Full PDB file with SEQRES, HELIX, SHEET, SSBOND, CRYST1, ORIGX, SCALE, CONECT and MASTER records, all heavy atoms in Angstrom:
SEQRES   1 A   43  PRO PHE VAL VAL VAL LEU GLY ILE ALA GLN ASP ALA GLY          
SEQRES   2 A   43  PHE PRO GLN ALA ALA CYS THR LYS ASP CYS CYS LYS PRO          
SEQRES   3 A   43  VAL TRP LYS ASP SER SER LEU ARG ARG PHE ALA THR SER          
SEQRES   4 A   43  LEU ALA ILE VAL                                              
HELIX    1 AA1 LYS A   25  LYS A   29  1                                   5    
HELIX    2 AA2 SER A   31  LEU A   33  5                                   3    
SHEET    1 AA1 2 VAL A   3  GLY A   7  0                                        
SHEET    2 AA1 2 SER A  39  ILE A  42 -1                                        
CRYST1    1.000    1.000    1.000  90.00  90.00  90.00 P 1           1          
ORIGX1      1.000000  0.000000  0.000000        0.00000                         
ORIGX2      0.000000  1.000000  0.000000        0.00000                         
ORIGX3      0.000000  0.000000  1.000000        0.00000                         
SCALE1      1.000000  0.000000  0.000000        0.00000                         
SCALE2      0.000000  1.000000  0.000000        0.00000                         
SCALE3      0.000000  0.000000  1.000000        0.00000                         
ATOM      1  N   PRO A   1     274.967 127.377 238.028  1.00  0.00           N  
ATOM      2  CA  PRO A   1     275.053 125.971 237.617  1.00  0.00           C  
ATOM      3  C   PRO A   1     274.608 125.073 238.755  1.00  0.00           C  
ATOM      4  O   PRO A   1     274.545 125.494 239.916  1.00  0.00           O  
ATOM      5  CB  PRO A   1     276.537 125.790 237.290  1.00  0.00           C  
ATOM      6  CG  PRO A   1     277.226 126.840 238.091  1.00  0.00           C  
ATOM      7  CD  PRO A   1     276.284 127.987 238.193  1.00  0.00           C  
ATOM      8  N   PHE A   2     274.298 123.822 238.429  1.00  0.00           N  
ATOM      9  CA  PHE A   2     273.837 122.908 239.469  1.00  0.00           C  
ATOM     10  C   PHE A   2     274.180 121.470 239.117  1.00  0.00           C  
ATOM     11  O   PHE A   2     274.505 121.149 237.971  1.00  0.00           O  
ATOM     12  CB  PHE A   2     272.327 123.052 239.695  1.00  0.00           C  
ATOM     13  CG  PHE A   2     271.467 122.738 238.493  1.00  0.00           C  
ATOM     14  CD1 PHE A   2     271.018 121.446 238.240  1.00  0.00           C  
ATOM     15  CD2 PHE A   2     271.092 123.740 237.611  1.00  0.00           C  
ATOM     16  CE1 PHE A   2     270.223 121.148 237.147  1.00  0.00           C  
ATOM     17  CE2 PHE A   2     270.286 123.466 236.505  1.00  0.00           C  
ATOM     18  CZ  PHE A   2     269.849 122.170 236.274  1.00  0.00           C  
ATOM     19  N   VAL A   3     274.103 120.623 240.139  1.00  0.00           N  
ATOM     20  CA  VAL A   3     274.235 119.179 239.985  1.00  0.00           C  
ATOM     21  C   VAL A   3     272.872 118.566 240.245  1.00  0.00           C  
ATOM     22  O   VAL A   3     272.161 118.967 241.174  1.00  0.00           O  
ATOM     23  CB  VAL A   3     275.270 118.609 240.966  1.00  0.00           C  
ATOM     24  CG1 VAL A   3     275.077 117.118 241.167  1.00  0.00           C  
ATOM     25  CG2 VAL A   3     276.686 118.873 240.461  1.00  0.00           C  
ATOM     26  N   VAL A   4     272.485 117.594 239.414  1.00  0.00           N  
ATOM     27  CA  VAL A   4     271.233 116.872 239.624  1.00  0.00           C  
ATOM     28  C   VAL A   4     271.529 115.379 239.687  1.00  0.00           C  
ATOM     29  O   VAL A   4     272.376 114.861 238.952  1.00  0.00           O  
ATOM     30  CB  VAL A   4     270.207 117.198 238.514  1.00  0.00           C  
ATOM     31  CG1 VAL A   4     270.734 116.830 237.137  1.00  0.00           C  
ATOM     32  CG2 VAL A   4     268.883 116.491 238.783  1.00  0.00           C  
ATOM     33  N   VAL A   5     270.863 114.691 240.598  1.00  0.00           N  
ATOM     34  CA  VAL A   5     271.034 113.253 240.779  1.00  0.00           C  
ATOM     35  C   VAL A   5     270.146 112.521 239.775  1.00  0.00           C  
ATOM     36  O   VAL A   5     268.921 112.662 239.801  1.00  0.00           O  
ATOM     37  CB  VAL A   5     270.668 112.828 242.217  1.00  0.00           C  
ATOM     38  CG1 VAL A   5     270.789 111.310 242.372  1.00  0.00           C  
ATOM     39  CG2 VAL A   5     271.561 113.541 243.223  1.00  0.00           C  
ATOM     40  N   LEU A   6     270.753 111.735 238.901  1.00  0.00           N  
ATOM     41  CA  LEU A   6     270.014 110.990 237.876  1.00  0.00           C  
ATOM     42  C   LEU A   6     269.738 109.546 238.273  1.00  0.00           C  
ATOM     43  O   LEU A   6     269.000 108.847 237.581  1.00  0.00           O  
ATOM     44  CB  LEU A   6     270.778 111.013 236.552  1.00  0.00           C  
ATOM     45  CG  LEU A   6     271.001 112.389 235.914  1.00  0.00           C  
ATOM     46  CD1 LEU A   6     271.746 112.247 234.601  1.00  0.00           C  
ATOM     47  CD2 LEU A   6     269.676 113.119 235.712  1.00  0.00           C  
ATOM     48  N   GLY A   7     270.335 109.104 239.364  1.00  0.00           N  
ATOM     49  CA  GLY A   7     270.106 107.741 239.833  1.00  0.00           C  
ATOM     50  C   GLY A   7     270.796 107.516 241.158  1.00  0.00           C  
ATOM     51  O   GLY A   7     271.803 108.172 241.459  1.00  0.00           O  
ATOM     52  N   ILE A   8     270.260 106.610 241.974  1.00  0.00           N  
ATOM     53  CA  ILE A   8     270.827 106.375 243.310  1.00  0.00           C  
ATOM     54  C   ILE A   8     271.130 104.898 243.570  1.00  0.00           C  
ATOM     55  O   ILE A   8     271.671 104.558 244.615  1.00  0.00           O  
ATOM     56  CB  ILE A   8     269.891 106.888 244.415  1.00  0.00           C  
ATOM     57  CG1 ILE A   8     268.596 106.055 244.455  1.00  0.00           C  
ATOM     58  CG2 ILE A   8     269.581 108.368 244.235  1.00  0.00           C  
ATOM     59  CD1 ILE A   8     267.789 106.233 245.727  1.00  0.00           C  
ATOM     60  N   ALA A   9     270.779 104.015 242.637  1.00  0.00           N  
ATOM     61  CA  ALA A   9     270.923 102.576 242.877  1.00  0.00           C  
ATOM     62  C   ALA A   9     272.312 102.075 242.508  1.00  0.00           C  
ATOM     63  O   ALA A   9     273.062 102.715 241.782  1.00  0.00           O  
ATOM     64  CB  ALA A   9     269.865 101.809 242.090  1.00  0.00           C  
ATOM     65  N   GLN A  10     272.636 100.895 243.009  1.00  0.00           N  
ATOM     66  CA  GLN A  10     273.862 100.188 242.644  1.00  0.00           C  
ATOM     67  C   GLN A  10     273.784  99.861 241.149  1.00  0.00           C  
ATOM     68  O   GLN A  10     272.746 100.012 240.519  1.00  0.00           O  
ATOM     69  CB  GLN A  10     273.980  98.931 243.524  1.00  0.00           C  
ATOM     70  CG  GLN A  10     275.192  98.076 243.278  1.00  0.00           C  
ATOM     71  CD  GLN A  10     274.872  96.870 242.390  1.00  0.00           C  
ATOM     72  OE1 GLN A  10     273.771  96.718 241.881  1.00  0.00           O  
ATOM     73  NE2 GLN A  10     275.865  96.012 242.209  1.00  0.00           N  
ATOM     74  N   ASP A  11     274.882  99.390 240.586  1.00  0.00           N  
ATOM     75  CA  ASP A  11     275.036  99.183 239.141  1.00  0.00           C  
ATOM     76  C   ASP A  11     273.819  98.565 238.447  1.00  0.00           C  
ATOM     77  O   ASP A  11     273.485  98.921 237.316  1.00  0.00           O  
ATOM     78  CB  ASP A  11     276.240  98.280 238.870  1.00  0.00           C  
ATOM     79  CG  ASP A  11     277.544  98.854 239.395  1.00  0.00           C  
ATOM     80  OD1 ASP A  11     277.537  99.423 240.506  1.00  0.00           O  
ATOM     81  OD2 ASP A  11     278.568  98.719 238.706  1.00  0.00           O  
ATOM     82  N   ALA A  12     273.156  97.607 239.106  1.00  0.00           N  
ATOM     83  CA  ALA A  12     272.073  96.850 238.485  1.00  0.00           C  
ATOM     84  C   ALA A  12     270.718  97.540 238.556  1.00  0.00           C  
ATOM     85  O   ALA A  12     269.735  97.039 238.025  1.00  0.00           O  
ATOM     86  CB  ALA A  12     271.976  95.466 239.125  1.00  0.00           C  
ATOM     87  N   GLY A  13     270.656  98.698 239.209  1.00  0.00           N  
ATOM     88  CA  GLY A  13     269.390  99.400 239.327  1.00  0.00           C  
ATOM     89  C   GLY A  13     268.476  98.776 240.373  1.00  0.00           C  
ATOM     90  O   GLY A  13     268.816  97.786 241.028  1.00  0.00           O  
ATOM     91  N   PHE A  14     267.292  99.374 240.512  1.00  0.00           N  
ATOM     92  CA  PHE A  14     266.301  98.913 241.496  1.00  0.00           C  
ATOM     93  C   PHE A  14     264.923  98.997 240.870  1.00  0.00           C  
ATOM     94  O   PHE A  14     264.495 100.079 240.516  1.00  0.00           O  
ATOM     95  CB  PHE A  14     266.383  99.799 242.743  1.00  0.00           C  
ATOM     96  CG  PHE A  14     265.418  99.431 243.844  1.00  0.00           C  
ATOM     97  CD1 PHE A  14     265.465  98.174 244.433  1.00  0.00           C  
ATOM     98  CD2 PHE A  14     264.470 100.343 244.302  1.00  0.00           C  
ATOM     99  CE1 PHE A  14     264.588  97.841 245.468  1.00  0.00           C  
ATOM    100  CE2 PHE A  14     263.597 100.021 245.330  1.00  0.00           C  
ATOM    101  CZ  PHE A  14     263.650  98.773 245.911  1.00  0.00           C  
ATOM    102  N   PRO A  15     264.263  97.850 240.640  1.00  0.00           N  
ATOM    103  CA  PRO A  15     264.593  96.499 241.086  1.00  0.00           C  
ATOM    104  C   PRO A  15     265.711  95.883 240.245  1.00  0.00           C  
ATOM    105  O   PRO A  15     265.992  96.357 239.153  1.00  0.00           O  
ATOM    106  CB  PRO A  15     263.282  95.741 240.869  1.00  0.00           C  
ATOM    107  CG  PRO A  15     262.654  96.439 239.708  1.00  0.00           C  
ATOM    108  CD  PRO A  15     262.995  97.886 239.891  1.00  0.00           C  
ATOM    109  N   GLN A  16     266.280  94.823 240.754  1.00  0.00           N  
ATOM    110  CA  GLN A  16     267.384  94.159 240.057  1.00  0.00           C  
ATOM    111  C   GLN A  16     266.864  92.965 239.267  1.00  0.00           C  
ATOM    112  O   GLN A  16     265.925  92.281 239.675  1.00  0.00           O  
ATOM    113  CB  GLN A  16     268.428  93.694 241.073  1.00  0.00           C  
ATOM    114  CG  GLN A  16     269.655  93.054 240.441  1.00  0.00           C  
ATOM    115  CD  GLN A  16     270.773  92.852 241.431  1.00  0.00           C  
ATOM    116  OE1 GLN A  16     271.239  93.782 242.073  1.00  0.00           O  
ATOM    117  NE2 GLN A  16     271.217  91.604 241.573  1.00  0.00           N  
ATOM    118  N   ALA A  17     267.473  92.726 238.126  1.00  0.00           N  
ATOM    119  CA  ALA A  17     267.064  91.623 237.252  1.00  0.00           C  
ATOM    120  C   ALA A  17     266.958  90.308 238.016  1.00  0.00           C  
ATOM    121  O   ALA A  17     267.845  89.975 238.813  1.00  0.00           O  
ATOM    122  CB  ALA A  17     268.058  91.475 236.100  1.00  0.00           C  
ATOM    123  N   ALA A  18     265.868  89.606 237.778  1.00  0.00           N  
ATOM    124  CA  ALA A  18     265.617  88.259 238.311  1.00  0.00           C  
ATOM    125  C   ALA A  18     265.345  88.231 239.808  1.00  0.00           C  
ATOM    126  O   ALA A  18     265.197  87.151 240.381  1.00  0.00           O  
ATOM    127  CB  ALA A  18     266.767  87.310 237.981  1.00  0.00           C  
ATOM    128  N   CYS A  19     265.263  89.394 240.460  1.00  0.00           N  
ATOM    129  CA  CYS A  19     265.003  89.393 241.900  1.00  0.00           C  
ATOM    130  C   CYS A  19     263.501  89.269 242.155  1.00  0.00           C  
ATOM    131  O   CYS A  19     262.716  90.101 241.692  1.00  0.00           O  
ATOM    132  CB  CYS A  19     265.542  90.658 242.553  1.00  0.00           C  
ATOM    133  SG  CYS A  19     265.278  90.679 244.354  1.00  0.00           S  
ATOM    134  N   THR A  20     263.125  88.219 242.894  1.00  0.00           N  
ATOM    135  CA  THR A  20     261.726  88.019 243.266  1.00  0.00           C  
ATOM    136  C   THR A  20     261.539  88.110 244.780  1.00  0.00           C  
ATOM    137  O   THR A  20     260.505  87.713 245.322  1.00  0.00           O  
ATOM    138  CB  THR A  20     261.243  86.635 242.780  1.00  0.00           C  
ATOM    139  OG1 THR A  20     262.085  85.610 243.334  1.00  0.00           O  
ATOM    140  CG2 THR A  20     261.292  86.557 241.257  1.00  0.00           C  
ATOM    141  N   LYS A  21     262.556  88.646 245.459  1.00  0.00           N  
ATOM    142  CA  LYS A  21     262.502  88.776 246.914  1.00  0.00           C  
ATOM    143  C   LYS A  21     261.618  89.952 247.318  1.00  0.00           C  
ATOM    144  O   LYS A  21     261.214  90.776 246.486  1.00  0.00           O  
ATOM    145  CB  LYS A  21     263.916  88.952 247.473  1.00  0.00           C  
ATOM    146  CG  LYS A  21     264.841  87.771 247.178  1.00  0.00           C  
ATOM    147  CD  LYS A  21     266.252  88.057 247.671  1.00  0.00           C  
ATOM    148  CE  LYS A  21     267.207  86.921 247.336  1.00  0.00           C  
ATOM    149  NZ  LYS A  21     268.604  87.211 247.762  1.00  0.00           N  
ATOM    150  N   ASP A  22     261.385  90.056 248.608  1.00  0.00           N  
ATOM    151  CA  ASP A  22     260.502  91.100 249.122  1.00  0.00           C  
ATOM    152  C   ASP A  22     261.017  92.504 248.811  1.00  0.00           C  
ATOM    153  O   ASP A  22     260.227  93.431 248.657  1.00  0.00           O  
ATOM    154  CB  ASP A  22     260.331  90.945 250.635  1.00  0.00           C  
ATOM    155  CG  ASP A  22     259.491  89.715 251.002  1.00  0.00           C  
ATOM    156  OD1 ASP A  22     258.782  89.210 250.101  1.00  0.00           O  
ATOM    157  OD2 ASP A  22     259.553  89.280 252.159  1.00  0.00           O  
ATOM    158  N   CYS A  23     262.346  92.645 248.695  1.00  0.00           N  
ATOM    159  CA  CYS A  23     262.910  93.979 248.450  1.00  0.00           C  
ATOM    160  C   CYS A  23     262.485  94.539 247.100  1.00  0.00           C  
ATOM    161  O   CYS A  23     262.325  95.754 246.928  1.00  0.00           O  
ATOM    162  CB  CYS A  23     264.435  93.966 248.562  1.00  0.00           C  
ATOM    163  SG  CYS A  23     265.261  92.801 247.436  1.00  0.00           S  
ATOM    164  N   CYS A  24     262.298  93.646 246.109  1.00  0.00           N  
ATOM    165  CA  CYS A  24     261.999  94.099 244.745  1.00  0.00           C  
ATOM    166  C   CYS A  24     260.561  93.839 244.299  1.00  0.00           C  
ATOM    167  O   CYS A  24     260.115  94.439 243.305  1.00  0.00           O  
ATOM    168  CB  CYS A  24     262.960  93.439 243.756  1.00  0.00           C  
ATOM    169  SG  CYS A  24     264.664  94.077 243.848  1.00  0.00           S  
ATOM    170  N   LYS A  25     259.830  92.961 244.975  1.00  0.00           N  
ATOM    171  CA  LYS A  25     258.469  92.619 244.556  1.00  0.00           C  
ATOM    172  C   LYS A  25     257.590  93.844 244.336  1.00  0.00           C  
ATOM    173  O   LYS A  25     256.962  93.990 243.280  1.00  0.00           O  
ATOM    174  CB  LYS A  25     257.822  91.691 245.586  1.00  0.00           C  
ATOM    175  CG  LYS A  25     258.183  90.226 245.424  1.00  0.00           C  
ATOM    176  CD  LYS A  25     257.428  89.384 246.445  1.00  0.00           C  
ATOM    177  CE  LYS A  25     257.795  87.908 246.310  1.00  0.00           C  
ATOM    178  NZ  LYS A  25     257.084  87.088 247.333  1.00  0.00           N  
ATOM    179  N   PRO A  26     257.495  94.763 245.317  1.00  0.00           N  
ATOM    180  CA  PRO A  26     256.601  95.914 245.108  1.00  0.00           C  
ATOM    181  C   PRO A  26     257.074  96.854 244.016  1.00  0.00           C  
ATOM    182  O   PRO A  26     256.271  97.556 243.399  1.00  0.00           O  
ATOM    183  CB  PRO A  26     256.594  96.608 246.479  1.00  0.00           C  
ATOM    184  CG  PRO A  26     257.860  96.176 247.143  1.00  0.00           C  
ATOM    185  CD  PRO A  26     258.104  94.787 246.660  1.00  0.00           C  
ATOM    186  N   VAL A  27     258.366  96.852 243.755  1.00  0.00           N  
ATOM    187  CA  VAL A  27     258.923  97.766 242.758  1.00  0.00           C  
ATOM    188  C   VAL A  27     258.599  97.285 241.346  1.00  0.00           C  
ATOM    189  O   VAL A  27     258.390  98.103 240.443  1.00  0.00           O  
ATOM    190  CB  VAL A  27     260.447  97.915 242.955  1.00  0.00           C  
ATOM    191  CG1 VAL A  27     260.971  99.082 242.141  1.00  0.00           C  
ATOM    192  CG2 VAL A  27     260.783  98.129 244.436  1.00  0.00           C  
ATOM    193  N   TRP A  28     258.551  95.958 241.157  1.00  0.00           N  
ATOM    194  CA  TRP A  28     258.145  95.425 239.857  1.00  0.00           C  
ATOM    195  C   TRP A  28     256.708  95.824 239.544  1.00  0.00           C  
ATOM    196  O   TRP A  28     256.337  96.056 238.392  1.00  0.00           O  
ATOM    197  CB  TRP A  28     258.267  93.903 239.835  1.00  0.00           C  
ATOM    198  CG  TRP A  28     259.672  93.379 239.785  1.00  0.00           C  
ATOM    199  CD1 TRP A  28     260.275  92.564 240.689  1.00  0.00           C  
ATOM    200  CD2 TRP A  28     260.658  93.625 238.769  1.00  0.00           C  
ATOM    201  NE1 TRP A  28     261.571  92.286 240.326  1.00  0.00           N  
ATOM    202  CE2 TRP A  28     261.829  92.929 239.135  1.00  0.00           C  
ATOM    203  CE3 TRP A  28     260.667  94.377 237.598  1.00  0.00           C  
ATOM    204  CZ2 TRP A  28     262.994  92.947 238.380  1.00  0.00           C  
ATOM    205  CZ3 TRP A  28     261.828  94.401 236.827  1.00  0.00           C  
ATOM    206  CH2 TRP A  28     262.966  93.692 237.220  1.00  0.00           C  
ATOM    207  N   LYS A  29     255.885  95.933 240.568  1.00  0.00           N  
ATOM    208  CA  LYS A  29     254.466  96.249 240.377  1.00  0.00           C  
ATOM    209  C   LYS A  29     254.205  97.748 240.238  1.00  0.00           C  
ATOM    210  O   LYS A  29     253.242  98.151 239.585  1.00  0.00           O  
ATOM    211  CB  LYS A  29     253.656  95.694 241.558  1.00  0.00           C  
ATOM    212  CG  LYS A  29     253.690  94.174 241.670  1.00  0.00           C  
ATOM    213  CD  LYS A  29     252.914  93.698 242.883  1.00  0.00           C  
ATOM    214  CE  LYS A  29     252.964  92.187 243.015  1.00  0.00           C  
ATOM    215  NZ  LYS A  29     252.217  91.712 244.220  1.00  0.00           N  
ATOM    216  N   ASP A  30     255.045  98.554 240.868  1.00  0.00           N  
ATOM    217  CA  ASP A  30     254.828 100.002 240.873  1.00  0.00           C  
ATOM    218  C   ASP A  30     256.059 100.702 240.302  1.00  0.00           C  
ATOM    219  O   ASP A  30     257.066 100.855 240.980  1.00  0.00           O  
ATOM    220  CB  ASP A  30     254.567 100.485 242.308  1.00  0.00           C  
ATOM    221  CG  ASP A  30     254.237 101.975 242.392  1.00  0.00           C  
ATOM    222  OD1 ASP A  30     254.323 102.673 241.353  1.00  0.00           O  
ATOM    223  OD2 ASP A  30     253.919 102.443 243.497  1.00  0.00           O  
ATOM    224  N   SER A  31     255.987 101.145 239.059  1.00  0.00           N  
ATOM    225  CA  SER A  31     257.153 101.730 238.385  1.00  0.00           C  
ATOM    226  C   SER A  31     257.617 103.027 239.035  1.00  0.00           C  
ATOM    227  O   SER A  31     258.766 103.433 238.864  1.00  0.00           O  
ATOM    228  CB  SER A  31     256.841 101.982 236.907  1.00  0.00           C  
ATOM    229  OG  SER A  31     255.766 102.897 236.769  1.00  0.00           O  
ATOM    230  N   SER A  32     256.754 103.686 239.796  1.00  0.00           N  
ATOM    231  CA  SER A  32     257.161 104.937 240.452  1.00  0.00           C  
ATOM    232  C   SER A  32     258.212 104.703 241.531  1.00  0.00           C  
ATOM    233  O   SER A  32     258.899 105.636 241.952  1.00  0.00           O  
ATOM    234  CB  SER A  32     255.945 105.635 241.074  1.00  0.00           C  
ATOM    235  OG  SER A  32     255.439 104.906 242.183  1.00  0.00           O  
ATOM    236  N   LEU A  33     258.354 103.455 241.974  1.00  0.00           N  
ATOM    237  CA  LEU A  33     259.335 103.123 243.009  1.00  0.00           C  
ATOM    238  C   LEU A  33     260.701 102.800 242.424  1.00  0.00           C  
ATOM    239  O   LEU A  33     261.677 102.665 243.164  1.00  0.00           O  
ATOM    240  CB  LEU A  33     258.845 101.925 243.829  1.00  0.00           C  
ATOM    241  CG  LEU A  33     257.513 102.098 244.570  1.00  0.00           C  
ATOM    242  CD1 LEU A  33     257.116 100.785 245.237  1.00  0.00           C  
ATOM    243  CD2 LEU A  33     257.604 103.225 245.588  1.00  0.00           C  
ATOM    244  N   ARG A  34     260.788 102.671 241.114  1.00  0.00           N  
ATOM    245  CA  ARG A  34     262.045 102.270 240.487  1.00  0.00           C  
ATOM    246  C   ARG A  34     263.093 103.370 240.590  1.00  0.00           C  
ATOM    247  O   ARG A  34     262.778 104.553 240.536  1.00  0.00           O  
ATOM    248  CB  ARG A  34     261.808 101.892 239.021  1.00  0.00           C  
ATOM    249  CG  ARG A  34     260.889 100.690 238.886  1.00  0.00           C  
ATOM    250  CD  ARG A  34     260.702 100.254 237.447  1.00  0.00           C  
ATOM    251  NE  ARG A  34     259.816  99.090 237.389  1.00  0.00           N  
ATOM    252  CZ  ARG A  34     259.538  98.419 236.292  1.00  0.00           C  
ATOM    253  NH1 ARG A  34     260.065  98.796 235.126  1.00  0.00           N  
ATOM    254  NH2 ARG A  34     258.731  97.374 236.339  1.00  0.00           N  
ATOM    255  N   ARG A  35     264.345 102.943 240.682  1.00  0.00           N  
ATOM    256  CA  ARG A  35     265.451 103.895 240.769  1.00  0.00           C  
ATOM    257  C   ARG A  35     266.556 103.460 239.815  1.00  0.00           C  
ATOM    258  O   ARG A  35     266.888 102.284 239.714  1.00  0.00           O  
ATOM    259  CB  ARG A  35     266.001 103.975 242.210  1.00  0.00           C  
ATOM    260  CG  ARG A  35     264.996 104.554 243.206  1.00  0.00           C  
ATOM    261  CD  ARG A  35     264.650 105.982 242.894  1.00  0.00           C  
ATOM    262  NE  ARG A  35     263.663 106.557 243.806  1.00  0.00           N  
ATOM    263  CZ  ARG A  35     262.354 106.638 243.560  1.00  0.00           C  
ATOM    264  NH1 ARG A  35     261.875 106.137 242.424  1.00  0.00           N  
ATOM    265  NH2 ARG A  35     261.549 107.197 244.429  1.00  0.00           N  
ATOM    266  N   PHE A  36     267.141 104.431 239.116  1.00  0.00           N  
ATOM    267  CA  PHE A  36     268.173 104.160 238.127  1.00  0.00           C  
ATOM    268  C   PHE A  36     269.533 103.986 238.806  1.00  0.00           C  
ATOM    269  O   PHE A  36     269.725 104.368 239.963  1.00  0.00           O  
ATOM    270  CB  PHE A  36     268.256 105.304 237.125  1.00  0.00           C  
ATOM    271  CG  PHE A  36     266.941 105.643 236.463  1.00  0.00           C  
ATOM    272  CD1 PHE A  36     266.575 106.964 236.249  1.00  0.00           C  
ATOM    273  CD2 PHE A  36     266.077 104.644 236.053  1.00  0.00           C  
ATOM    274  CE1 PHE A  36     265.373 107.287 235.642  1.00  0.00           C  
ATOM    275  CE2 PHE A  36     264.865 104.947 235.438  1.00  0.00           C  
ATOM    276  CZ  PHE A  36     264.506 106.276 235.232  1.00  0.00           C  
ATOM    277  N   ALA A  37     270.476 103.426 238.052  1.00  0.00           N  
ATOM    278  CA  ALA A  37     271.851 103.283 238.544  1.00  0.00           C  
ATOM    279  C   ALA A  37     272.454 104.668 238.805  1.00  0.00           C  
ATOM    280  O   ALA A  37     272.091 105.658 238.167  1.00  0.00           O  
ATOM    281  CB  ALA A  37     272.686 102.517 237.534  1.00  0.00           C  
ATOM    282  N   THR A  38     273.392 104.712 239.715  1.00  0.00           N  
ATOM    283  CA  THR A  38     273.930 105.983 240.204  1.00  0.00           C  
ATOM    284  C   THR A  38     274.635 106.802 239.128  1.00  0.00           C  
ATOM    285  O   THR A  38     275.524 106.316 238.434  1.00  0.00           O  
ATOM    286  CB  THR A  38     274.898 105.724 241.370  1.00  0.00           C  
ATOM    287  OG1 THR A  38     274.141 105.218 242.481  1.00  0.00           O  
ATOM    288  CG2 THR A  38     275.626 106.992 241.790  1.00  0.00           C  
ATOM    289  N   SER A  39     274.228 108.057 239.034  1.00  0.00           N  
ATOM    290  CA  SER A  39     274.844 108.993 238.094  1.00  0.00           C  
ATOM    291  C   SER A  39     274.483 110.403 238.510  1.00  0.00           C  
ATOM    292  O   SER A  39     273.409 110.646 239.082  1.00  0.00           O  
ATOM    293  CB  SER A  39     274.345 108.726 236.670  1.00  0.00           C  
ATOM    294  OG  SER A  39     274.828 109.694 235.759  1.00  0.00           O  
ATOM    295  N   LEU A  40     275.372 111.334 238.220  1.00  0.00           N  
ATOM    296  CA  LEU A  40     275.101 112.754 238.412  1.00  0.00           C  
ATOM    297  C   LEU A  40     275.200 113.466 237.069  1.00  0.00           C  
ATOM    298  O   LEU A  40     275.925 113.030 236.178  1.00  0.00           O  
ATOM    299  CB  LEU A  40     276.117 113.407 239.361  1.00  0.00           C  
ATOM    300  CG  LEU A  40     276.261 112.892 240.789  1.00  0.00           C  
ATOM    301  CD1 LEU A  40     277.270 113.767 241.541  1.00  0.00           C  
ATOM    302  CD2 LEU A  40     274.937 112.863 241.521  1.00  0.00           C  
ATOM    303  N   ALA A  41     274.479 114.568 236.937  1.00  0.00           N  
ATOM    304  CA  ALA A  41     274.664 115.470 235.805  1.00  0.00           C  
ATOM    305  C   ALA A  41     275.068 116.830 236.346  1.00  0.00           C  
ATOM    306  O   ALA A  41     274.570 117.275 237.384  1.00  0.00           O  
ATOM    307  CB  ALA A  41     273.392 115.588 234.981  1.00  0.00           C  
ATOM    308  N   ILE A  42     275.990 117.468 235.649  1.00  0.00           N  
ATOM    309  CA  ILE A  42     276.383 118.845 235.952  1.00  0.00           C  
ATOM    310  C   ILE A  42     275.786 119.711 234.855  1.00  0.00           C  
ATOM    311  O   ILE A  42     275.985 119.436 233.665  1.00  0.00           O  
ATOM    312  CB  ILE A  42     277.905 119.007 235.981  1.00  0.00           C  
ATOM    313  CG1 ILE A  42     278.545 117.991 236.930  1.00  0.00           C  
ATOM    314  CG2 ILE A  42     278.300 120.430 236.388  1.00  0.00           C  
ATOM    315  CD1 ILE A  42     280.060 117.909 236.814  1.00  0.00           C  
ATOM    316  N   VAL A  43     275.058 120.752 235.235  1.00  0.00           N  
ATOM    317  CA  VAL A  43     274.357 121.585 234.260  1.00  0.00           C  
ATOM    318  C   VAL A  43     274.705 123.049 234.474  1.00  0.00           C  
ATOM    319  O   VAL A  43     274.686 123.548 235.607  1.00  0.00           O  
ATOM    320  CB  VAL A  43     272.825 121.407 234.391  1.00  0.00           C  
ATOM    321  CG1 VAL A  43     272.090 122.305 233.394  1.00  0.00           C  
ATOM    322  CG2 VAL A  43     272.430 119.949 234.190  1.00  0.00           C  
TER     323      VAL A  43                                                      
MASTER        0    0    0    2    2    0    0    6  322    1    0    4          
END                                                                             
């Protein structure tokens, strides 16, 4: 069995809604940089 990480971001995800700051600007443009809210799966 194993654990897999399904997300590493805080509750709001990355990028965060309405954020136009430098931290999120490139992520809005490049979907490969996006990260989901934190969760693990046990399989």
